[in-house]
Amino acid sequence: MIPNTSQPFDPKMLEALVCPKTQTTLEYDANAQELVSPSAGVAFPIRDGIPIMLMSEARPLSD
C-alpha cells in the first residue's frame, strides 16, 4: 500500500495566484480541493497541494 503523501494547499498562495484566463482573483474551495474562478466560470484542481492552473485541466462550473 502506498502511503498518503498528499500535501495540503497553503491558502497564502492565493495572494500570488490569479486566473490564467481572466487575471482575476481566485476562491479556495477546501472541500473540493479546487481554486474557483467565478469570472471565468471554472475551477482548477489542487493535486498534492499544487494548484493545476491550466485551462485544459479546469472544470466548468455548473449553473
Protein backbone atom coordinates (compact mmCIF):
# COMPACT_ATOMS: atom_id res chain seq x y z
CA MET A 1 0.00 0.00 0.00
CA ILE A 2 1.29 3.45 -0.91
CA PRO A 3 1.27 5.91 1.99
CA ASN A 4 -0.75 9.09 1.59
CA THR A 5 1.84 11.77 0.89
CA SER A 6 -0.52 14.49 -0.31
CA GLN A 7 0.40 17.94 0.88
CA PRO A 8 -2.24 20.44 1.98
CA PHE A 9 -2.78 23.57 -0.08
CA ASP A 10 -1.43 26.73 1.55
CA PRO A 11 -4.17 29.39 1.29
CA LYS A 12 -1.47 32.08 1.41
CA MET A 13 -0.71 31.10 -2.19
CA LEU A 14 -3.96 32.84 -3.18
CA GLU A 15 -2.15 36.15 -2.76
CA ALA A 16 0.11 35.30 -5.71
CA LEU A 17 -2.27 33.33 -7.94
CA VAL A 18 -4.78 34.68 -10.45
CA CYS A 19 -7.00 33.05 -13.04
CA PRO A 20 -4.95 32.42 -16.20
CA LYS A 21 -7.93 33.35 -18.40
CA THR A 22 -9.28 36.50 -16.71
CA GLN A 23 -6.37 37.57 -14.46
CA THR A 24 -8.84 37.90 -11.56
CA THR A 25 -8.56 36.62 -8.01
CA LEU A 26 -9.48 33.04 -7.12
CA GLU A 27 -11.53 31.49 -4.33
CA TYR A 28 -10.32 28.45 -2.40
CA ASP A 29 -12.83 25.60 -2.02
CA ALA A 30 -11.26 23.43 0.69
CA ASN A 31 -13.92 20.70 0.48
CA ALA A 32 -13.49 20.18 -3.27
CA GLN A 33 -9.74 20.97 -3.22
CA GLU A 34 -10.16 23.46 -6.05
CA LEU A 35 -9.42 27.07 -6.84
CA VAL A 36 -12.54 28.66 -8.26
CA SER A 37 -12.63 31.49 -10.80
CA PRO A 38 -16.20 32.80 -10.78
CA SER A 39 -15.40 35.29 -13.55
CA ALA A 40 -14.20 32.52 -15.89
CA GLY A 41 -16.78 30.01 -14.67
CA VAL A 42 -14.20 27.30 -13.97
CA ALA A 43 -12.50 25.53 -11.07
CA PHE A 44 -8.87 24.44 -11.09
CA PRO A 45 -7.93 21.22 -9.27
CA ILE A 46 -5.41 21.07 -6.45
CA ARG A 47 -3.34 17.88 -6.53
CA ASP A 48 -0.90 17.06 -3.73
CA GLY A 49 -1.12 20.65 -2.55
CA ILE A 50 -0.27 22.05 -6.00
CA PRO A 51 -2.86 24.03 -7.96
CA ILE A 52 -3.06 22.95 -11.60
CA MET A 53 -3.59 26.30 -13.32
CA LEU A 54 -4.15 25.04 -16.87
CA MET A 55 -7.37 25.82 -18.70
CA SER A 56 -7.25 22.31 -20.15
CA GLU A 57 -7.45 20.91 -16.59
CA ALA A 58 -10.18 23.31 -15.39
CA ARG A 59 -13.65 22.03 -14.60
CA PRO A 60 -16.59 24.10 -15.83
CA LEU A 61 -18.78 25.35 -13.01
CA SER A 62 -22.36 24.19 -13.16
CA ASP A 63 -25.09 26.79 -13.14
